[in-house]
Amino acid sequence: MSDISITLLLCLGGQFWLVRGAWRGFKRKYWEEPLQKYVDYLGVFIGIPLFVITVLGFLKSICC
């Protein structure tokens, strides 16, 4: 495994953790402050496509 693969693997772990937290807040739909609502929405709708792009980059770094 190259250095870039290890770096992308660490990025996947961090992104998964952040998207999971945003998804929980999104499903809960109980926000103490209005800003939390927008942070959860941004985390889900921007975080998931970035996660997919990182997965594809990781798979490309392993194969080539």
PDB file of N, CA and C in Angstrom:
ATOM      1  N   MET A   1       0.856  -1.175   0.000  1.00  0.00           N
ATOM      2  CA  MET A   1       0.000   0.000   0.000  1.00  0.00           C
ATOM      3  C   MET A   1       0.901   1.238   0.000  1.00  0.00           C
ATOM      4  N   SER A   2       0.618   2.151  -0.880  1.00  0.00           N
ATOM      5  CA  SER A   2       1.433   3.358  -0.971  1.00  0.00           C
ATOM      6  C   SER A   2       1.021   4.367   0.102  1.00  0.00           C
ATOM      7  N   ASP A   3       1.830   5.414   0.217  1.00  0.00           N
ATOM      8  CA  ASP A   3       1.543   6.451   1.216  1.00  0.00           C
ATOM      9  C   ASP A   3       0.221   7.157   0.929  1.00  0.00           C
ATOM     10  N   ILE A   4      -0.072   7.362  -0.349  1.00  0.00           N
ATOM     11  CA  ILE A   4      -1.328   8.040  -0.689  1.00  0.00           C
ATOM     12  C   ILE A   4      -2.527   7.186  -0.306  1.00  0.00           C
ATOM     13  N   SER A   5      -2.403   5.866  -0.423  1.00  0.00           N
ATOM     14  CA  SER A   5      -3.506   4.980  -0.035  1.00  0.00           C
ATOM     15  C   SER A   5      -3.761   5.050   1.463  1.00  0.00           C
ATOM     16  N   ILE A   6      -2.694   5.098   2.236  1.00  0.00           N
ATOM     17  CA  ILE A   6      -2.846   5.190   3.691  1.00  0.00           C
ATOM     18  C   ILE A   6      -3.477   6.521   4.071  1.00  0.00           C
ATOM     19  N   THR A   7      -3.048   7.596   3.405  1.00  0.00           N
ATOM     20  CA  THR A   7      -3.621   8.917   3.680  1.00  0.00           C
ATOM     21  C   THR A   7      -5.109   8.946   3.337  1.00  0.00           C
ATOM     22  N   LEU A   8      -5.466   8.388   2.193  1.00  0.00           N
ATOM     23  CA  LEU A   8      -6.880   8.358   1.805  1.00  0.00           C
ATOM     24  C   LEU A   8      -7.695   7.478   2.742  1.00  0.00           C
ATOM     25  N   LEU A   9      -7.098   6.416   3.247  1.00  0.00           N
ATOM     26  CA  LEU A   9      -7.789   5.558   4.202  1.00  0.00           C
ATOM     27  C   LEU A   9      -8.075   6.315   5.499  1.00  0.00           C
ATOM     28  N   LEU A  10      -7.126   7.118   5.956  1.00  0.00           N
ATOM     29  CA  LEU A  10      -7.353   7.954   7.139  1.00  0.00           C
ATOM     30  C   LEU A  10      -8.424   9.008   6.865  1.00  0.00           C
ATOM     31  N   CYS A  11      -8.409   9.578   5.668  1.00  0.00           N
ATOM     32  CA  CYS A  11      -9.441  10.553   5.295  1.00  0.00           C
ATOM     33  C   CYS A  11     -10.822   9.907   5.273  1.00  0.00           C
ATOM     34  N   LEU A  12     -10.900   8.675   4.793  1.00  0.00           N
ATOM     35  CA  LEU A  12     -12.179   7.963   4.780  1.00  0.00           C
ATOM     36  C   LEU A  12     -12.717   7.781   6.187  1.00  0.00           C
ATOM     37  N   GLY A  13     -11.842   7.421   7.112  1.00  0.00           N
ATOM     38  CA  GLY A  13     -12.276   7.248   8.499  1.00  0.00           C
ATOM     39  C   GLY A  13     -12.800   8.541   9.096  1.00  0.00           C
ATOM     40  N   GLY A  14     -12.085   9.638   8.865  1.00  0.00           N
ATOM     41  CA  GLY A  14     -12.526  10.929   9.378  1.00  0.00           C
ATOM     42  C   GLY A  14     -13.818  11.404   8.753  1.00  0.00           C
ATOM     43  N   GLN A  15     -13.940  11.235   7.455  1.00  0.00           N
ATOM     44  CA  GLN A  15     -15.165  11.651   6.777  1.00  0.00           C
ATOM     45  C   GLN A  15     -16.353  10.803   7.199  1.00  0.00           C
ATOM     46  N   PHE A  16     -16.121   9.511   7.384  1.00  0.00           N
ATOM     47  CA  PHE A  16     -17.207   8.643   7.839  1.00  0.00           C
ATOM     48  C   PHE A  16     -17.697   9.084   9.209  1.00  0.00           C
ATOM     49  N   TRP A  17     -16.775   9.424  10.083  1.00  0.00           N
ATOM     50  CA  TRP A  17     -17.131   9.867  11.433  1.00  0.00           C
ATOM     51  C   TRP A  17     -17.935  11.173  11.381  1.00  0.00           C
ATOM     52  N   LEU A  18     -17.516  12.116  10.540  1.00  0.00           N
ATOM     53  CA  LEU A  18     -18.224  13.396  10.436  1.00  0.00           C
ATOM     54  C   LEU A  18     -19.602  13.240   9.792  1.00  0.00           C
ATOM     55  N   VAL A  19     -19.695  12.451   8.731  1.00  0.00           N
ATOM     56  CA  VAL A  19     -20.986  12.249   8.065  1.00  0.00           C
ATOM     57  C   VAL A  19     -21.939  11.495   8.982  1.00  0.00           C
ATOM     58  N   ARG A  20     -21.416  10.537   9.745  1.00  0.00           N
ATOM     59  CA  ARG A  20     -22.272   9.786  10.670  1.00  0.00           C
ATOM     60  C   ARG A  20     -22.869  10.714  11.733  1.00  0.00           C
ATOM     61  N   GLY A  21     -22.056  11.624  12.268  1.00  0.00           N
ATOM     62  CA  GLY A  21     -22.565  12.574  13.253  1.00  0.00           C
ATOM     63  C   GLY A  21     -23.599  13.520  12.667  1.00  0.00           C
ATOM     64  N   ALA A  22     -23.350  13.986  11.442  1.00  0.00           N
ATOM     65  CA  ALA A  22     -24.317  14.866  10.783  1.00  0.00           C
ATOM     66  C   ALA A  22     -25.600  14.112  10.458  1.00  0.00           C
ATOM     67  N   TRP A  23     -25.485  12.845  10.066  1.00  0.00           N
ATOM     68  CA  TRP A  23     -26.668  12.048   9.738  1.00  0.00           C
ATOM     69  C   TRP A  23     -27.525  11.821  10.976  1.00  0.00           C
ATOM     70  N   ARG A  24     -26.885  11.585  12.110  1.00  0.00           N
ATOM     71  CA  ARG A  24     -27.648  11.405  13.353  1.00  0.00           C
ATOM     72  C   ARG A  24     -28.410  12.674  13.712  1.00  0.00           C
ATOM     73  N   GLY A  25     -27.762  13.820  13.572  1.00  0.00           N
ATOM     74  CA  GLY A  25     -28.441  15.083  13.841  1.00  0.00           C
ATOM     75  C   GLY A  25     -29.557  15.357  12.852  1.00  0.00           C
ATOM     76  N   PHE A  26     -29.348  14.965  11.606  1.00  0.00           N
ATOM     77  CA  PHE A  26     -30.352  15.147  10.560  1.00  0.00           C
ATOM     78  C   PHE A  26     -31.578  14.282  10.834  1.00  0.00           C
ATOM     79  N   LYS A  27     -31.379  13.042  11.269  1.00  0.00           N
ATOM     80  CA  LYS A  27     -32.499  12.148  11.563  1.00  0.00           C
ATOM     81  C   LYS A  27     -33.225  12.554  12.842  1.00  0.00           C
ATOM     82  N   ARG A  28     -32.487  13.063  13.808  1.00  0.00           N
ATOM     83  CA  ARG A  28     -33.067  13.418  15.097  1.00  0.00           C
ATOM     84  C   ARG A  28     -34.022  14.599  14.962  1.00  0.00           C
ATOM     85  N   LYS A  29     -33.655  15.563  14.163  1.00  0.00           N
ATOM     86  CA  LYS A  29     -34.449  16.770  13.904  1.00  0.00           C
ATOM     87  C   LYS A  29     -34.815  17.536  15.177  1.00  0.00           C
ATOM     88  N   TYR A  30     -33.923  17.492  16.139  1.00  0.00           N
ATOM     89  CA  TYR A  30     -34.089  18.318  17.331  1.00  0.00           C
ATOM     90  C   TYR A  30     -32.803  19.110  17.490  1.00  0.00           C
ATOM     91  N   TRP A  31     -32.900  20.404  17.271  1.00  0.00           N
ATOM     92  CA  TRP A  31     -31.729  21.251  17.344  1.00  0.00           C
ATOM     93  C   TRP A  31     -31.937  22.290  18.432  1.00  0.00           C
ATOM     94  N   GLU A  32     -30.930  22.437  19.273  1.00  0.00           N
ATOM     95  CA  GLU A  32     -31.004  23.437  20.340  1.00  0.00           C
ATOM     96  C   GLU A  32     -30.849  24.840  19.774  1.00  0.00           C
ATOM     97  N   GLU A  33     -30.033  24.967  18.739  1.00  0.00           N
ATOM     98  CA  GLU A  33     -29.804  26.261  18.104  1.00  0.00           C
ATOM     99  C   GLU A  33     -30.073  26.124  16.603  1.00  0.00           C
ATOM    100  N   PRO A  34     -30.511  27.198  15.964  1.00  0.00           N
ATOM    101  CA  PRO A  34     -30.790  27.119  14.524  1.00  0.00           C
ATOM    102  C   PRO A  34     -29.545  26.796  13.690  1.00  0.00           C
ATOM    103  N   LEU A  35     -28.375  27.188  14.170  1.00  0.00           N
ATOM    104  CA  LEU A  35     -27.152  26.926  13.422  1.00  0.00           C
ATOM    105  C   LEU A  35     -26.863  25.429  13.316  1.00  0.00           C
ATOM    106  N   GLN A  36     -27.244  24.661  14.323  1.00  0.00           N
ATOM    107  CA  GLN A  36     -27.012  23.216  14.294  1.00  0.00           C
ATOM    108  C   GLN A  36     -27.768  22.552  13.142  1.00  0.00           C
ATOM    109  N   LYS A  37     -28.937  23.073  12.837  1.00  0.00           N
ATOM    110  CA  LYS A  37     -29.733  22.525  11.730  1.00  0.00           C
ATOM    111  C   LYS A  37     -28.977  22.664  10.413  1.00  0.00           C
ATOM    112  N   TYR A  38     -28.431  23.840  10.154  1.00  0.00           N
ATOM    113  CA  TYR A  38     -27.733  24.077   8.899  1.00  0.00           C
ATOM    114  C   TYR A  38     -26.424  23.306   8.827  1.00  0.00           C
ATOM    115  N   VAL A  39     -25.752  23.149   9.953  1.00  0.00           N
ATOM    116  CA  VAL A  39     -24.518  22.368   9.983  1.00  0.00           C
ATOM    117  C   VAL A  39     -24.808  20.906   9.659  1.00  0.00           C
ATOM    118  N   ASP A  40     -25.881  20.363  10.202  1.00  0.00           N
ATOM    119  CA  ASP A  40     -26.243  18.977   9.908  1.00  0.00           C
ATOM    120  C   ASP A  40     -26.630  18.807   8.441  1.00  0.00           C
ATOM    121  N   TYR A  41     -27.406  19.743   7.912  1.00  0.00           N
ATOM    122  CA  TYR A  41     -27.786  19.652   6.500  1.00  0.00           C
ATOM    123  C   TYR A  41     -26.559  19.739   5.596  1.00  0.00           C
ATOM    124  N   LEU A  42     -25.643  20.661   5.881  1.00  0.00           N
ATOM    125  CA  LEU A  42     -24.430  20.773   5.078  1.00  0.00           C
ATOM    126  C   LEU A  42     -23.570  19.528   5.211  1.00  0.00           C
ATOM    127  N   GLY A  43     -23.486  18.993   6.420  1.00  0.00           N
ATOM    128  CA  GLY A  43     -22.692  17.789   6.635  1.00  0.00           C
ATOM    129  C   GLY A  43     -23.201  16.607   5.846  1.00  0.00           C
ATOM    130  N   VAL A  44     -24.512  16.497   5.717  1.00  0.00           N
ATOM    131  CA  VAL A  44     -25.089  15.367   4.982  1.00  0.00           C
ATOM    132  C   VAL A  44     -24.996  15.594   3.477  1.00  0.00           C
ATOM    133  N   PHE A  45     -25.448  16.740   3.005  1.00  0.00           N
ATOM    134  CA  PHE A  45     -25.565  16.949   1.566  1.00  0.00           C
ATOM    135  C   PHE A  45     -24.255  17.309   0.880  1.00  0.00           C
ATOM    136  N   ILE A  46     -23.267  17.749   1.623  1.00  0.00           N
ATOM    137  CA  ILE A  46     -21.947  17.985   1.045  1.00  0.00           C
ATOM    138  C   ILE A  46     -20.992  16.862   1.429  1.00  0.00           C
ATOM    139  N   GLY A  47     -21.161  16.318   2.621  1.00  0.00           N
ATOM    140  CA  GLY A  47     -20.254  15.282   3.104  1.00  0.00           C
ATOM    141  C   GLY A  47     -20.367  13.964   2.368  1.00  0.00           C
ATOM    142  N   ILE A  48     -21.576  13.557   2.010  1.00  0.00           N
ATOM    143  CA  ILE A  48     -21.754  12.264   1.331  1.00  0.00           C
ATOM    144  C   ILE A  48     -21.101  12.254  -0.058  1.00  0.00           C
ATOM    145  N   PRO A  49     -21.292  13.271  -0.903  1.00  0.00           N
ATOM    146  CA  PRO A  49     -20.573  13.247  -2.192  1.00  0.00           C
ATOM    147  C   PRO A  49     -19.052  13.290  -2.029  1.00  0.00           C
ATOM    148  N   LEU A  50     -18.554  14.039  -1.059  1.00  0.00           N
ATOM    149  CA  LEU A  50     -17.112  14.055  -0.822  1.00  0.00           C
ATOM    150  C   LEU A  50     -16.617  12.696  -0.353  1.00  0.00           C
ATOM    151  N   PHE A  51     -17.420  12.012   0.443  1.00  0.00           N
ATOM    152  CA  PHE A  51     -17.066  10.672   0.894  1.00  0.00           C
ATOM    153  C   PHE A  51     -16.977   9.715  -0.292  1.00  0.00           C
ATOM    154  N   VAL A  52     -17.922   9.810  -1.205  1.00  0.00           N
ATOM    155  CA  VAL A  52     -17.921   8.942  -2.392  1.00  0.00           C
ATOM    156  C   VAL A  52     -16.697   9.227  -3.261  1.00  0.00           C
ATOM    157  N   ILE A  53     -16.356  10.491  -3.437  1.00  0.00           N
ATOM    158  CA  ILE A  53     -15.175  10.855  -4.227  1.00  0.00           C
ATOM    159  C   ILE A  53     -13.909  10.307  -3.575  1.00  0.00           C
ATOM    160  N   THR A  54     -13.829  10.368  -2.253  1.00  0.00           N
ATOM    161  CA  THR A  54     -12.664   9.838  -1.554  1.00  0.00           C
ATOM    162  C   THR A  54     -12.585   8.322  -1.681  1.00  0.00           C
ATOM    163  N   VAL A  55     -13.720   7.639  -1.619  1.00  0.00           N
ATOM    164  CA  VAL A  55     -13.734   6.181  -1.807  1.00  0.00           C
ATOM    165  C   VAL A  55     -13.218   5.834  -3.202  1.00  0.00           C
ATOM    166  N   LEU A  56     -13.688   6.553  -4.208  1.00  0.00           N
ATOM    167  CA  LEU A  56     -13.230   6.290  -5.573  1.00  0.00           C
ATOM    168  C   LEU A  56     -11.732   6.569  -5.727  1.00  0.00           C
ATOM    169  N   GLY A  57     -11.242   7.630  -5.106  1.00  0.00           N
ATOM    170  CA  GLY A  57      -9.808   7.918  -5.140  1.00  0.00           C
ATOM    171  C   GLY A  57      -8.990   6.846  -4.445  1.00  0.00           C
ATOM    172  N   PHE A  58      -9.500   6.341  -3.331  1.00  0.00           N
ATOM    173  CA  PHE A  58      -8.814   5.266  -2.618  1.00  0.00           C
ATOM    174  C   PHE A  58      -8.758   4.001  -3.469  1.00  0.00           C
ATOM    175  N   LEU A  59      -9.872   3.647  -4.089  1.00  0.00           N
ATOM    176  CA  LEU A  59      -9.890   2.451  -4.935  1.00  0.00           C
ATOM    177  C   LEU A  59      -8.963   2.605  -6.142  1.00  0.00           C
ATOM    178  N   LYS A  60      -8.903   3.810  -6.698  1.00  0.00           N
ATOM    179  CA  LYS A  60      -8.006   4.055  -7.826  1.00  0.00           C
ATOM    180  C   LYS A  60      -6.550   3.960  -7.393  1.00  0.00           C
ATOM    181  N   SER A  61      -6.234   4.425  -6.184  1.00  0.00           N
ATOM    182  CA  SER A  61      -4.849   4.366  -5.714  1.00  0.00           C
ATOM    183  C   SER A  61      -4.418   2.933  -5.420  1.00  0.00           C
ATOM    184  N   ILE A  62      -5.356   2.071  -5.081  1.00  0.00           N
ATOM    185  CA  ILE A  62      -5.016   0.666  -4.830  1.00  0.00           C
ATOM    186  C   ILE A  62      -4.812  -0.081  -6.151  1.00  0.00           C
ATOM    187  N   CYS A  63      -5.686   0.189  -7.116  1.00  0.00           N
ATOM    188  CA  CYS A  63      -5.650  -0.566  -8.376  1.00  0.00           C
ATOM    189  C   CYS A  63      -4.482  -0.165  -9.274  1.00  0.00           C
ATOM    190  N   CYS A  64      -4.120   1.090  -9.294  1.00  0.00           N
ATOM    191  CA  CYS A  64      -3.093   1.550 -10.244  1.00  0.00           C
ATOM    192  C   CYS A  64      -1.770   1.822  -9.587  1.00  0.00           C
TER     193      CYS A  64
END
